[in-house]
Amino acid sequence: MDLEACVEELVGGSPRRSALDDESDAPLPPAYGDDWLVLMVCDPAWAHAYWDISAARVNQAVASLDGGTAFLRLLGVPDGILMAEYQVSPQRGDWRLALPQTDRDYVAELAILHYGGKALLARSRIVHAPSTVPSPSRAPVFVTRAQQRRALATGLPLECVGEAADPSATRSARPWATMNWPLSLLSAASMGSEPRLLAIESRLP
C-alpha cells in the first residue's frame, strides 16, 4: 500500500480488506471430518476425550461388520486391559472418563463393535495419569575430588561415597571395582568418562 492510500485510510477512508479476510458470515461447521480422537488428563482421577470422525469412515466400519454400535474404550498401557467402555456417538462428541488407577499410562480408542467383531475408528495418543503423592525430591550431590576418586575406585554412585566405611567391602559389577589403583591412574580418571575408564582398565596388570 502506497503512502497516499495509507493517509486516506487513516484520515477517514474505509479500511481496505485483504483477499485473505473472511468476508462471509457463515457459521463454523459442527465437524470437520478429520478422523481424530484426543485424550487429555485433567487430574489423577479424571480424563477428557473428544473426537471427530468422518461419516464415510463410520459407514465403512459399520458395513464391514454388517452393523454395530460405537463405543469409547479406555485401555491400560502397556498391558492393554480394558478399563472402561461407553456407548457414544461415532461421528463427533466428547466424554469425561474416570481413571481407575493413578500413576499409570492410558490410551483411548473409538470403535464399532458388533457380535464380537471390532472396527477401529480412531485411537488417541498415550497419556499418563499423575500420582496423588508428591514425587521424591532429588537434591544435587556435591562431592570433593577425593570422594569422586573413591567412587571411581569402588564403583559406587556419588550419592553413596560417604556411606560405606570400607570401600573394599563393596563390590561392583565393574571388573576393576575392587582393584588397588595407583594414585596416578585415579588422578587421570577423576574427571573421566566411561571410555576413559575402560582405557585405564586395559592398562591395569
C-alpha atoms as a PDB file:
ATOM      1  CA  MET A   1       0.000   0.000   0.000  1.00  0.00           C
ATOM      2  CA  ASP A   2       1.441   3.366  -1.034  1.00  0.00           C
ATOM      3  CA  LEU A   3       1.704   6.449   1.234  1.00  0.00           C
ATOM      4  CA  GLU A   4      -1.344   8.198  -0.268  1.00  0.00           C
ATOM      5  CA  ALA A   5      -3.584   5.214   0.346  1.00  0.00           C
ATOM      6  CA  CYS A   6      -2.338   4.931   3.933  1.00  0.00           C
ATOM      7  CA  VAL A   7      -3.122   8.601   4.620  1.00  0.00           C
ATOM      8  CA  GLU A   8      -6.575   8.254   3.093  1.00  0.00           C
ATOM      9  CA  GLU A   9      -7.335   5.260   5.279  1.00  0.00           C
ATOM     10  CA  LEU A  10      -6.137   6.977   8.471  1.00  0.00           C
ATOM     11  CA  VAL A  11      -7.942  10.269   7.810  1.00  0.00           C
ATOM     12  CA  GLY A  12     -11.366   8.820   7.227  1.00  0.00           C
ATOM     13  CA  GLY A  13     -11.395   6.358   4.429  1.00  0.00           C
ATOM     14  CA  SER A  14     -12.852   2.931   4.892  1.00  0.00           C
ATOM     15  CA  PRO A  15     -10.326   0.262   5.841  1.00  0.00           C
ATOM     16  CA  ARG A  16      -9.331  -1.958   2.997  1.00  0.00           C
ATOM     17  CA  ARG A  17      -9.803  -5.678   3.477  1.00  0.00           C
ATOM     18  CA  SER A  18      -7.242  -8.050   2.067  1.00  0.00           C
ATOM     19  CA  ALA A  19      -8.098 -11.064  -0.030  1.00  0.00           C
ATOM     20  CA  LEU A  20      -7.264 -13.284   2.943  1.00  0.00           C
ATOM     21  CA  ASP A  21     -10.000 -11.771   5.142  1.00  0.00           C
ATOM     22  CA  ASP A  22     -13.064 -13.954   5.609  1.00  0.00           C
ATOM     23  CA  GLU A  23     -15.939 -11.831   4.359  1.00  0.00           C
ATOM     24  CA  SER A  24     -18.604 -14.473   4.832  1.00  0.00           C
ATOM     25  CA  ASP A  25     -20.879 -14.604   7.841  1.00  0.00           C
ATOM     26  CA  ALA A  26     -21.376 -18.363   7.615  1.00  0.00           C
ATOM     27  CA  PRO A  27     -21.179 -20.191  10.974  1.00  0.00           C
ATOM     28  CA  LEU A  28     -18.410 -22.669  11.692  1.00  0.00           C
ATOM     29  CA  PRO A  29     -19.238 -26.238  10.703  1.00  0.00           C
ATOM     30  CA  PRO A  30     -20.182 -28.606  13.533  1.00  0.00           C
ATOM     31  CA  ALA A  31     -17.493 -31.063  12.411  1.00  0.00           C
ATOM     32  CA  TYR A  32     -14.555 -31.240  10.011  1.00  0.00           C
ATOM     33  CA  GLY A  33     -14.357 -34.994   9.441  1.00  0.00           C
ATOM     34  CA  ASP A  34     -10.601 -35.252  10.065  1.00  0.00           C
ATOM     35  CA  ASP A  35     -10.772 -38.644  11.878  1.00  0.00           C
ATOM     36  CA  TRP A  36      -9.072 -37.971  15.208  1.00  0.00           C
ATOM     37  CA  LEU A  37      -9.527 -38.798  18.880  1.00  0.00           C
ATOM     38  CA  VAL A  38      -7.896 -36.785  21.667  1.00  0.00           C
ATOM     39  CA  LEU A  39      -7.481 -37.955  25.270  1.00  0.00           C
ATOM     40  CA  MET A  40      -6.418 -35.340  27.829  1.00  0.00           C
ATOM     41  CA  VAL A  41      -5.692 -35.957  31.505  1.00  0.00           C
ATOM     42  CA  CYS A  42      -7.395 -33.400  33.755  1.00  0.00           C
ATOM     43  CA  ASP A  43      -6.142 -34.658  37.130  1.00  0.00           C
ATOM     44  CA  PRO A  44      -5.120 -38.020  38.666  1.00  0.00           C
ATOM     45  CA  ALA A  45      -8.736 -39.251  38.697  1.00  0.00           C
ATOM     46  CA  TRP A  46     -10.295 -37.846  35.501  1.00  0.00           C
ATOM     47  CA  ALA A  47      -9.595 -37.523  31.773  1.00  0.00           C
ATOM     48  CA  HIS A  48     -11.464 -35.849  28.912  1.00  0.00           C
ATOM     49  CA  ALA A  49     -11.870 -37.305  25.422  1.00  0.00           C
ATOM     50  CA  TYR A  50     -13.233 -35.654  22.281  1.00  0.00           C
ATOM     51  CA  TRP A  51     -13.329 -36.818  18.685  1.00  0.00           C
ATOM     52  CA  ASP A  52     -14.343 -36.006  15.108  1.00  0.00           C
ATOM     53  CA  ILE A  53     -14.831 -38.860  12.623  1.00  0.00           C
ATOM     54  CA  SER A  54     -15.992 -38.553   9.007  1.00  0.00           C
ATOM     55  CA  ALA A  55     -19.303 -40.101   8.022  1.00  0.00           C
ATOM     56  CA  ALA A  56     -17.578 -42.094   5.284  1.00  0.00           C
ATOM     57  CA  ARG A  57     -15.263 -43.777   7.782  1.00  0.00           C
ATOM     58  CA  VAL A  58     -18.149 -44.612  10.116  1.00  0.00           C
ATOM     59  CA  ASN A  59     -20.246 -46.057   7.269  1.00  0.00           C
ATOM     60  CA  GLN A  60     -17.309 -48.142   6.072  1.00  0.00           C
ATOM     61  CA  ALA A  61     -16.730 -49.560   9.568  1.00  0.00           C
ATOM     62  CA  VAL A  62     -20.405 -50.388  10.050  1.00  0.00           C
ATOM     63  CA  ALA A  63     -20.605 -52.021   6.622  1.00  0.00           C
ATOM     64  CA  SER A  64     -17.549 -54.176   7.350  1.00  0.00           C
ATOM     65  CA  LEU A  65     -19.313 -55.650  10.403  1.00  0.00           C
ATOM     66  CA  ASP A  66     -22.864 -55.679   8.944  1.00  0.00           C
ATOM     67  CA  GLY A  67     -23.973 -53.308  11.692  1.00  0.00           C
ATOM     68  CA  GLY A  68     -22.695 -52.276  15.070  1.00  0.00           C
ATOM     69  CA  THR A  69     -22.546 -49.611  17.750  1.00  0.00           C
ATOM     70  CA  ALA A  70     -19.828 -47.066  18.538  1.00  0.00           C
ATOM     71  CA  PHE A  71     -18.023 -47.347  21.870  1.00  0.00           C
ATOM     72  CA  LEU A  72     -15.389 -45.197  23.511  1.00  0.00           C
ATOM     73  CA  ARG A  73     -12.933 -47.553  25.241  1.00  0.00           C
ATOM     74  CA  LEU A  74     -10.279 -46.784  27.843  1.00  0.00           C
ATOM     75  CA  LEU A  75      -7.307 -49.166  27.837  1.00  0.00           C
ATOM     76  CA  GLY A  76      -4.361 -49.522  30.175  1.00  0.00           C
ATOM     77  CA  VAL A  77      -0.843 -49.314  28.773  1.00  0.00           C
ATOM     78  CA  PRO A  78       1.182 -51.433  28.159  1.00  0.00           C
ATOM     79  CA  ASP A  79      -0.985 -54.413  29.171  1.00  0.00           C
ATOM     80  CA  GLY A  80      -3.958 -53.356  27.009  1.00  0.00           C
ATOM     81  CA  ILE A  81      -6.508 -54.222  29.716  1.00  0.00           C
ATOM     82  CA  LEU A  82      -9.951 -52.738  29.069  1.00  0.00           C
ATOM     83  CA  MET A  83     -10.622 -50.288  31.915  1.00  0.00           C
ATOM     84  CA  ALA A  84     -13.942 -48.753  30.802  1.00  0.00           C
ATOM     85  CA  GLU A  85     -16.315 -48.722  27.840  1.00  0.00           C
ATOM     86  CA  TYR A  86     -19.030 -46.204  26.941  1.00  0.00           C
ATOM     87  CA  GLN A  87     -21.599 -46.181  24.137  1.00  0.00           C
ATOM     88  CA  VAL A  88     -21.208 -42.882  22.270  1.00  0.00           C
ATOM     89  CA  SER A  89     -21.995 -41.092  19.020  1.00  0.00           C
ATOM     90  CA  PRO A  90     -19.468 -42.240  16.396  1.00  0.00           C
ATOM     91  CA  GLN A  91     -19.031 -39.058  14.353  1.00  0.00           C
ATOM     92  CA  ARG A  92     -18.317 -36.412  16.964  1.00  0.00           C
ATOM     93  CA  GLY A  93     -18.616 -35.878  20.676  1.00  0.00           C
ATOM     94  CA  ASP A  94     -16.807 -35.595  23.963  1.00  0.00           C
ATOM     95  CA  TRP A  95     -16.782 -37.636  27.150  1.00  0.00           C
ATOM     96  CA  ARG A  96     -15.444 -37.397  30.688  1.00  0.00           C
ATOM     97  CA  LEU A  97     -13.707 -40.593  31.785  1.00  0.00           C
ATOM     98  CA  ALA A  98     -12.941 -41.716  35.333  1.00  0.00           C
ATOM     99  CA  LEU A  99      -9.390 -43.087  35.629  1.00  0.00           C
ATOM    100  CA  PRO A 100      -9.386 -46.249  37.779  1.00  0.00           C
ATOM    101  CA  GLN A 101      -5.696 -46.010  38.726  1.00  0.00           C
ATOM    102  CA  THR A 102      -3.265 -43.178  39.259  1.00  0.00           C
ATOM    103  CA  ASP A 103       0.371 -43.023  38.141  1.00  0.00           C
ATOM    104  CA  ARG A 104      -0.079 -45.146  35.030  1.00  0.00           C
ATOM    105  CA  ASP A 105      -0.486 -44.796  31.244  1.00  0.00           C
ATOM    106  CA  TYR A 106      -3.751 -44.926  29.294  1.00  0.00           C
ATOM    107  CA  VAL A 107      -4.929 -44.842  25.698  1.00  0.00           C
ATOM    108  CA  ALA A 108      -8.457 -44.331  24.340  1.00  0.00           C
ATOM    109  CA  GLU A 109      -9.944 -45.813  21.206  1.00  0.00           C
ATOM    110  CA  LEU A 110     -13.201 -45.271  19.343  1.00  0.00           C
ATOM    111  CA  ALA A 111     -14.520 -48.401  17.654  1.00  0.00           C
ATOM    112  CA  ILE A 112     -17.600 -50.009  16.149  1.00  0.00           C
ATOM    113  CA  LEU A 113     -18.445 -53.267  17.947  1.00  0.00           C
ATOM    114  CA  HIS A 114     -20.813 -55.906  16.604  1.00  0.00           C
ATOM    115  CA  TYR A 115     -21.167 -59.530  17.789  1.00  0.00           C
ATOM    116  CA  GLY A 116     -17.546 -59.876  18.875  1.00  0.00           C
ATOM    117  CA  GLY A 117     -16.141 -58.004  15.871  1.00  0.00           C
ATOM    118  CA  LYS A 118     -14.413 -54.644  16.095  1.00  0.00           C
ATOM    119  CA  ALA A 119     -13.696 -51.939  13.514  1.00  0.00           C
ATOM    120  CA  LEU A 120     -11.365 -49.250  14.860  1.00  0.00           C
ATOM    121  CA  LEU A 121     -12.283 -45.668  14.000  1.00  0.00           C
ATOM    122  CA  ALA A 122      -9.527 -43.767  15.844  1.00  0.00           C
ATOM    123  CA  ARG A 123      -7.038 -44.155  18.679  1.00  0.00           C
ATOM    124  CA  SER A 124      -5.627 -41.434  20.905  1.00  0.00           C
ATOM    125  CA  ARG A 125      -2.051 -40.890  21.963  1.00  0.00           C
ATOM    126  CA  ILE A 126      -0.822 -42.464  25.184  1.00  0.00           C
ATOM    127  CA  VAL A 127      -1.297 -40.233  28.220  1.00  0.00           C
ATOM    128  CA  HIS A 128      -0.051 -40.552  31.785  1.00  0.00           C
ATOM    129  CA  ALA A 129      -2.208 -40.075  34.868  1.00  0.00           C
ATOM    130  CA  PRO A 130      -0.120 -38.417  37.593  1.00  0.00           C
ATOM    131  CA  SER A 131       0.299 -39.782  41.067  1.00  0.00           C
ATOM    132  CA  THR A 132      -1.646 -38.431  44.025  1.00  0.00           C
ATOM    133  CA  VAL A 133       1.510 -38.146  46.142  1.00  0.00           C
ATOM    134  CA  PRO A 134       4.448 -35.788  45.507  1.00  0.00           C
ATOM    135  CA  SER A 135       7.483 -37.161  43.722  1.00  0.00           C
ATOM    136  CA  PRO A 136      10.597 -37.617  45.866  1.00  0.00           C
ATOM    137  CA  SER A 137      12.933 -34.659  45.595  1.00  0.00           C
ATOM    138  CA  ARG A 138      16.402 -35.244  44.194  1.00  0.00           C
ATOM    139  CA  ALA A 139      18.733 -32.613  45.525  1.00  0.00           C
ATOM    140  CA  PRO A 140      22.069 -32.049  43.757  1.00  0.00           C
ATOM    141  CA  VAL A 141      25.002 -34.051  45.120  1.00  0.00           C
ATOM    142  CA  PHE A 142      28.165 -32.094  45.923  1.00  0.00           C
ATOM    143  CA  VAL A 143      31.343 -34.170  46.262  1.00  0.00           C
ATOM    144  CA  THR A 144      35.006 -33.443  46.766  1.00  0.00           C
ATOM    145  CA  ARG A 145      37.763 -34.614  44.450  1.00  0.00           C
ATOM    146  CA  ALA A 146      38.688 -37.314  46.965  1.00  0.00           C
ATOM    147  CA  GLN A 147      35.108 -38.586  47.067  1.00  0.00           C
ATOM    148  CA  GLN A 148      34.974 -38.626  43.276  1.00  0.00           C
ATOM    149  CA  ARG A 149      38.160 -40.713  43.161  1.00  0.00           C
ATOM    150  CA  ARG A 150      36.693 -43.060  45.732  1.00  0.00           C
ATOM    151  CA  ALA A 151      33.542 -43.507  43.642  1.00  0.00           C
ATOM    152  CA  LEU A 152      35.625 -44.330  40.570  1.00  0.00           C
ATOM    153  CA  ALA A 153      37.762 -46.792  42.517  1.00  0.00           C
ATOM    154  CA  THR A 154      34.895 -48.646  44.173  1.00  0.00           C
ATOM    155  CA  GLY A 155      32.171 -48.412  41.537  1.00  0.00           C
ATOM    156  CA  LEU A 156      29.797 -46.730  43.992  1.00  0.00           C
ATOM    157  CA  PRO A 157      27.441 -43.966  42.847  1.00  0.00           C
ATOM    158  CA  LEU A 158      28.347 -40.497  44.037  1.00  0.00           C
ATOM    159  CA  GLU A 159      25.417 -40.483  46.465  1.00  0.00           C
ATOM    160  CA  CYS A 160      26.953 -43.396  48.379  1.00  0.00           C
ATOM    161  CA  VAL A 161      30.602 -42.448  48.566  1.00  0.00           C
ATOM    162  CA  GLY A 162      30.187 -41.099  52.093  1.00  0.00           C
ATOM    163  CA  GLU A 163      28.098 -44.001  53.395  1.00  0.00           C
ATOM    164  CA  ALA A 164      30.344 -47.062  53.102  1.00  0.00           C
ATOM    165  CA  ALA A 165      33.019 -47.175  55.773  1.00  0.00           C
ATOM    166  CA  ASP A 166      35.172 -49.733  53.959  1.00  0.00           C
ATOM    167  CA  PRO A 167      35.311 -49.229  50.168  1.00  0.00           C
ATOM    168  CA  SER A 168      36.984 -52.619  49.661  1.00  0.00           C
ATOM    169  CA  ALA A 169      33.935 -54.309  51.229  1.00  0.00           C
ATOM    170  CA  THR A 170      31.663 -53.041  48.463  1.00  0.00           C
ATOM    171  CA  ARG A 171      31.860 -54.990  45.223  1.00  0.00           C
ATOM    172  CA  SER A 172      30.694 -53.675  41.877  1.00  0.00           C
ATOM    173  CA  ALA A 173      29.768 -55.148  38.561  1.00  0.00           C
ATOM    174  CA  ARG A 174      32.824 -53.437  37.074  1.00  0.00           C
ATOM    175  CA  PRO A 175      35.881 -55.786  36.960  1.00  0.00           C
ATOM    176  CA  TRP A 176      38.173 -53.039  38.231  1.00  0.00           C
ATOM    177  CA  ALA A 177      35.955 -52.038  41.166  1.00  0.00           C
ATOM    178  CA  THR A 178      37.932 -53.767  43.935  1.00  0.00           C
ATOM    179  CA  MET A 179      41.423 -53.287  42.495  1.00  0.00           C
ATOM    180  CA  ASN A 180      44.019 -51.122  44.229  1.00  0.00           C
ATOM    181  CA  TRP A 181      44.525 -48.443  41.626  1.00  0.00           C
ATOM    182  CA  PRO A 182      47.740 -46.393  41.595  1.00  0.00           C
ATOM    183  CA  LEU A 183      47.196 -42.774  42.573  1.00  0.00           C
ATOM    184  CA  SER A 184      48.326 -41.595  39.140  1.00  0.00           C
ATOM    185  CA  LEU A 185      45.551 -43.594  37.458  1.00  0.00           C
ATOM    186  CA  LEU A 186      42.957 -42.298  39.891  1.00  0.00           C
ATOM    187  CA  SER A 187      44.060 -38.738  39.216  1.00  0.00           C
ATOM    188  CA  ALA A 188      43.779 -39.291  35.476  1.00  0.00           C
ATOM    189  CA  ALA A 189      40.296 -40.781  35.869  1.00  0.00           C
ATOM    190  CA  SER A 190      38.958 -38.224  38.330  1.00  0.00           C
ATOM    191  CA  MET A 191      37.326 -36.175  35.556  1.00  0.00           C
ATOM    192  CA  GLY A 192      36.987 -39.010  33.040  1.00  0.00           C
ATOM    193  CA  SER A 193      34.073 -40.684  31.314  1.00  0.00           C
ATOM    194  CA  GLU A 194      33.279 -44.343  30.692  1.00  0.00           C
ATOM    195  CA  PRO A 195      35.569 -44.647  27.620  1.00  0.00           C
ATOM    196  CA  ARG A 196      38.470 -43.226  29.617  1.00  0.00           C
ATOM    197  CA  LEU A 197      37.776 -45.624  32.493  1.00  0.00           C
ATOM    198  CA  LEU A 198      37.812 -48.548  30.074  1.00  0.00           C
ATOM    199  CA  ALA A 199      41.119 -47.340  28.690  1.00  0.00           C
ATOM    200  CA  ILE A 200      42.553 -47.136  32.216  1.00  0.00           C
ATOM    201  CA  GLU A 201      41.253 -50.629  32.962  1.00  0.00           C
ATOM    202  CA  SER A 202      43.197 -52.003  29.990  1.00  0.00           C
ATOM    203  CA  ARG A 203      46.429 -50.567  31.494  1.00  0.00           C
ATOM    204  CA  LEU A 204      45.968 -52.369  34.797  1.00  0.00           C
ATOM    205  CA  PRO A 205      48.014 -55.555  35.394  1.00  0.00           C
END
